[in-house]
N, C-alpha and C. Protein backbone atom coordinates (compact mmCIF):
# COMPACT_ATOMS: atom_id res chain seq x y z
N MET A 1 87.53 175.17 112.89
CA MET A 1 89.06 174.09 112.77
C MET A 1 88.27 173.53 111.22
N SER A 2 89.71 173.24 110.88
CA SER A 2 89.79 172.22 109.30
C SER A 2 90.23 170.97 109.59
N TYR A 3 89.76 170.06 109.26
CA TYR A 3 90.40 168.24 109.42
C TYR A 3 90.60 168.38 108.05
N VAL A 4 91.67 167.82 107.72
CA VAL A 4 92.10 166.58 106.55
C VAL A 4 91.92 165.10 106.87
N ILE A 5 91.09 164.01 106.37
CA ILE A 5 90.87 162.83 106.25
C ILE A 5 90.35 161.91 105.83
N GLU A 6 91.38 161.47 105.01
CA GLU A 6 90.76 160.01 104.37
C GLU A 6 89.33 159.33 104.35
N ALA A 7 88.70 159.13 103.32
CA ALA A 7 87.49 158.06 103.78
C ALA A 7 87.34 157.33 102.36
N ILE A 8 86.21 156.47 102.74
CA ILE A 8 86.35 155.25 101.64
C ILE A 8 84.60 155.97 101.07
N TYR A 9 83.90 155.76 99.81
CA TYR A 9 82.51 155.95 99.45
C TYR A 9 82.13 154.12 99.40
N GLU A 10 81.60 154.28 99.82
CA GLU A 10 80.28 152.68 100.12
C GLU A 10 79.32 152.45 100.31
N ASN A 11 78.38 152.34 99.31
CA ASN A 11 76.68 152.21 99.75
C ASN A 11 76.34 153.14 99.71
N GLY A 12 76.63 154.71 98.73
CA GLY A 12 76.35 155.49 99.26
C GLY A 12 76.78 156.53 100.88
N VAL A 13 77.66 155.63 101.75
CA VAL A 13 78.35 156.30 102.77
C VAL A 13 79.90 156.43 102.94
N LEU A 14 79.78 157.46 103.06
CA LEU A 14 81.51 157.79 103.35
C LEU A 14 81.75 157.41 104.61
N LYS A 15 82.76 156.41 104.19
CA LYS A 15 83.52 155.68 105.74
C LYS A 15 85.17 156.82 105.95
N LEU A 16 84.71 157.00 107.16
CA LEU A 16 86.46 158.13 107.17
C LEU A 16 86.90 157.24 107.95
N ASP A 17 88.57 156.99 107.96
CA ASP A 17 89.81 156.43 108.36
C ASP A 17 89.68 156.44 109.31
N GLU A 18 89.54 157.75 109.67
CA GLU A 18 89.86 157.73 111.30
C GLU A 18 88.31 158.62 112.32
N PRO A 19 88.59 158.70 113.59
CA PRO A 19 87.31 159.45 113.98
C PRO A 19 86.96 160.98 113.85
N LEU A 20 86.18 161.70 114.20
CA LEU A 20 86.57 163.21 113.90
C LEU A 20 85.93 163.72 115.36
N PRO A 21 86.98 164.67 115.77
CA PRO A 21 87.04 165.32 117.16
C PRO A 21 85.49 166.63 117.16
N LEU A 22 84.21 166.19 117.24
CA LEU A 22 83.42 166.66 117.27
C LEU A 22 82.42 166.41 118.19
N SER A 23 81.23 167.51 118.18
CA SER A 23 79.82 167.44 119.17
C SER A 23 79.10 166.37 118.23
N HIS A 24 78.33 165.89 119.34
CA HIS A 24 77.45 165.16 118.78
C HIS A 24 76.62 165.83 118.22
N GLN A 25 75.94 165.61 116.38
CA GLN A 25 74.85 166.19 115.95
C GLN A 25 75.06 167.82 115.57
N GLN A 26 76.95 167.54 115.57
CA GLN A 26 77.62 169.09 115.21
C GLN A 26 77.52 169.19 113.65
N ARG A 27 77.13 170.42 113.23
CA ARG A 27 76.97 170.29 112.10
C ARG A 27 77.93 171.06 111.61
N VAL A 28 78.31 170.30 109.75
CA VAL A 28 79.70 170.40 109.45
C VAL A 28 79.63 170.68 107.71
N LYS A 29 80.26 171.62 107.68
CA LYS A 29 80.54 171.53 106.13
C LYS A 29 81.64 170.10 105.51
N VAL A 30 81.17 169.24 104.26
CA VAL A 30 81.69 168.64 103.31
C VAL A 30 82.78 169.03 102.21
N VAL A 31 83.73 169.27 101.87
CA VAL A 31 83.79 169.28 100.43
C VAL A 31 84.65 168.51 100.23
N VAL A 32 84.60 167.25 99.17
CA VAL A 32 85.20 166.21 98.25
C VAL A 32 85.76 166.73 97.13
N ASP A 33 87.01 165.96 97.61
CA ASP A 33 88.32 165.99 96.64
C ASP A 33 88.27 164.57 96.24
N ASP A 34 88.12 164.05 95.33
CA ASP A 34 88.65 162.83 94.58
C ASP A 34 89.35 162.18 93.94
N HIS A 35 90.84 163.04 94.43
CA HIS A 35 91.89 162.73 94.93
C HIS A 35 92.91 161.70 93.60
N VAL A 36 92.23 162.28 92.32
CA VAL A 36 93.30 162.61 91.21
C VAL A 36 94.22 162.83 91.61
N SER A 37 95.21 161.92 90.86
CA SER A 37 96.65 162.61 91.17
C SER A 37 97.25 163.26 89.70
N VAL A 38 98.45 164.17 90.22
CA VAL A 38 98.46 164.93 89.48
C VAL A 38 98.59 163.95 88.09
N ALA A 39 99.30 163.39 87.74
CA ALA A 39 99.90 163.18 86.63
C ALA A 39 98.91 162.41 85.96
N LYS A 40 97.20 162.06 86.50
CA LYS A 40 96.28 161.77 85.89
C LYS A 40 95.71 162.87 85.37
N ARG A 41 95.78 163.87 85.87
CA ARG A 41 95.21 165.18 86.10
C ARG A 41 95.70 166.27 84.51
N SER A 42 96.95 165.77 83.95
CA SER A 42 97.91 166.49 83.50
C SER A 42 97.90 165.62 82.44
N LEU A 43 97.21 164.87 82.08
CA LEU A 43 98.06 163.39 81.55
C LEU A 43 97.76 164.95 80.04
N GLY A 44 96.53 165.11 79.88
CA GLY A 44 96.33 165.69 78.26
C GLY A 44 97.00 166.58 77.87
N MET A 45 97.70 167.05 78.13
CA MET A 45 98.63 168.54 78.64
C MET A 45 100.16 167.29 77.37
N MET A 46 100.37 166.62 77.56
CA MET A 46 101.15 165.67 77.27
C MET A 46 101.40 165.34 75.83
N GLY A 47 100.01 165.08 75.68
CA GLY A 47 99.35 164.21 74.48
C GLY A 47 99.93 163.21 74.42
N TRP A 48 99.89 162.50 75.75
CA TRP A 48 99.55 161.17 76.04
C TRP A 48 99.04 160.50 75.25
N LYS A 49 98.40 158.98 74.27
CA LYS A 49 97.19 158.54 74.74
C LYS A 49 97.63 157.24 75.30
N GLY A 50 97.90 156.52 75.40
CA GLY A 50 98.53 155.40 76.30
C GLY A 50 97.96 155.05 77.35
N ASP A 51 98.27 154.41 78.04
CA ASP A 51 97.27 154.07 80.00
C ASP A 51 97.79 154.85 80.54
N PRO A 52 96.68 155.59 81.52
CA PRO A 52 97.52 156.97 82.12
C PRO A 52 98.20 155.86 83.70
N ASN A 53 98.04 154.37 83.45
CA ASN A 53 98.28 154.17 85.10
C ASN A 53 99.79 154.25 84.48
N VAL A 54 100.69 153.87 83.27
CA VAL A 54 101.97 154.09 82.67
C VAL A 54 102.58 155.50 83.11
N VAL A 55 102.10 156.63 82.91
CA VAL A 55 102.45 157.65 83.55
C VAL A 55 102.71 158.07 84.77
N GLU A 56 101.30 157.58 85.40
CA GLU A 56 101.49 158.22 87.23
C GLU A 56 102.38 157.31 87.30
N ARG A 57 102.98 155.50 87.12
CA ARG A 57 103.93 155.06 87.68
C ARG A 57 105.28 155.38 87.74
N MET A 58 105.02 156.34 86.00
CA MET A 58 106.56 157.06 85.42
C MET A 58 107.12 158.01 86.56
N ALA A 59 105.99 159.04 86.61
CA ALA A 59 105.80 160.11 87.76
C ALA A 59 106.09 159.60 89.21
N LEU A 60 105.69 158.45 89.58
CA LEU A 60 106.06 158.66 91.09
C LEU A 60 107.44 157.28 91.30
N ASP A 61 108.02 157.48 90.87
CA ASP A 61 109.33 156.32 90.33
C ASP A 61 110.13 157.50 90.66
N PRO A 62 110.84 157.16 92.17
CA PRO A 62 111.68 158.09 92.42
C PRO A 62 112.96 158.36 91.52
N GLU A 63 113.71 156.85 90.73
CA GLU A 63 114.32 156.82 89.64
C GLU A 63 114.47 157.59 88.82
N ALA A 64 112.83 157.68 87.81
CA ALA A 64 113.47 157.92 87.41
C ALA A 64 112.23 160.15 87.23
N GLY A 65 111.65 159.87 88.23
CA GLY A 65 111.27 161.40 88.63
C GLY A 65 112.44 162.65 89.63
N ILE A 66 111.46 163.92 89.17
CA ILE A 66 112.75 164.20 89.40
C ILE A 66 112.89 164.71 91.21
N LEU A 67 112.28 164.00 91.80
CA LEU A 67 111.99 163.90 93.58
C LEU A 67 113.88 163.74 93.21
N GLY A 68 114.46 162.73 93.10
CA GLY A 68 115.95 162.76 93.44
C GLY A 68 116.76 163.93 92.90
N TRP A 69 115.83 164.58 92.37
CA TRP A 69 117.21 165.99 92.25
C TRP A 69 117.70 166.53 92.85
N PRO A 70 118.80 167.32 92.79
CA PRO A 70 119.41 168.09 93.78
C PRO A 70 118.72 169.32 93.76
N GLN A 71 118.83 170.01 95.03
CA GLN A 71 118.14 171.11 95.24
C GLN A 71 118.49 172.41 94.47
N LEU A 72 117.92 173.21 94.20
CA LEU A 72 118.45 174.61 93.19
C LEU A 72 119.13 175.17 94.25
């Protein structure tokens, strides 16, 4: 079974936002996704040389993005 749980990395330790339903000393495999936004990952494709946070804010703004477009 797979679980997706948010966590924060502090002082060399991953601290989970919620407990996992696992047995004591159960072995697991951990895959770490550093959760970089799509806007920041695709920044180079646009040729943008400015602040990546500006692009991310524009991409996530419901009035500026495609989220408000009618469904086709």
